[in-house]
Amino acid sequence: MLLAVDTSTQTIGLALYDGSEVLGEMHWQTKTHHTVELAPAVDELLKRCGVKPAELKVVACALGPGSFTSLRIGLAFAKGLALSLKIPMIGVPTFDFQVASQPVKDLPLAAVLPAGRGRLAVGWYHAEDGHWQAGEEPTIMTAEDLSAQINQPTLITGEFDAEERQTLSRKWKNALLASPAQCVRHPGMLAELAWNRFKAGETDEPVSLAPIYLHVNEAIPD
């Protein structure tokens, strides 16, 4: 049994996965209440699915990029749980499971997350062997900057507000925006990617596992 935890942004996501199906999934928007809401929500999910903590075999955690504070909270919680239960951990970059639920097409794909102060964290992906493959390192830019870079049909998915969506949609011939529902990050997908790594024997050392910050001094404010 795998527990997946995503606190990359103000959206918190949890999932339980047994290798065959997602037994339960929760995601909701919080403000600055990650510390208060996370542990009770995990307890509720376990109880609803009839799973005891001792049945967990691995804990997966989103590594970011994302909010400096919320990422630390989620990772600290996951580490504490893994160490207390003496089970392995698996860290997954947030963009990787965000794009994994998108249909694979022979077009570039930009995955975005809020980066505070009117900016976006942007990761680029391309189709390879039927999967999305990460390209260059993620960067921080404004929606206007991203729009200026789009000179060919490009898929865009992720977490952005109405104003940013409007800015990008002005490039309607080339900026192919996923719908709001398609942009939701699914913790079940985080769980599935992590489970595949777990079955392949690829786990991370909890003590050394660290979040992905694009610019520590410019991390997303909570």
Foldseek 3Di string as FASTA:
>chain_A
DEWEWEQQEQKTKIWDDDQPDTLDIDIDGHDPCLLPPVPVVVVVRCVVSVHDLLPHAEYEYAQDDGFPVRNVNRLVVRLVSCVVSVHFYAYDHQVQQQCQLPFADQAKEWEWDDFAPQKIWIWIWGDDPRGTDTDDDIDIGHLLVVLVPFPAAYEYAADDDPVSVVSNCVVVVRYHYDDPVSRDRTSVSSVNVRVVCVVVVHTDDSVPDHHDYPDVVRGHDD
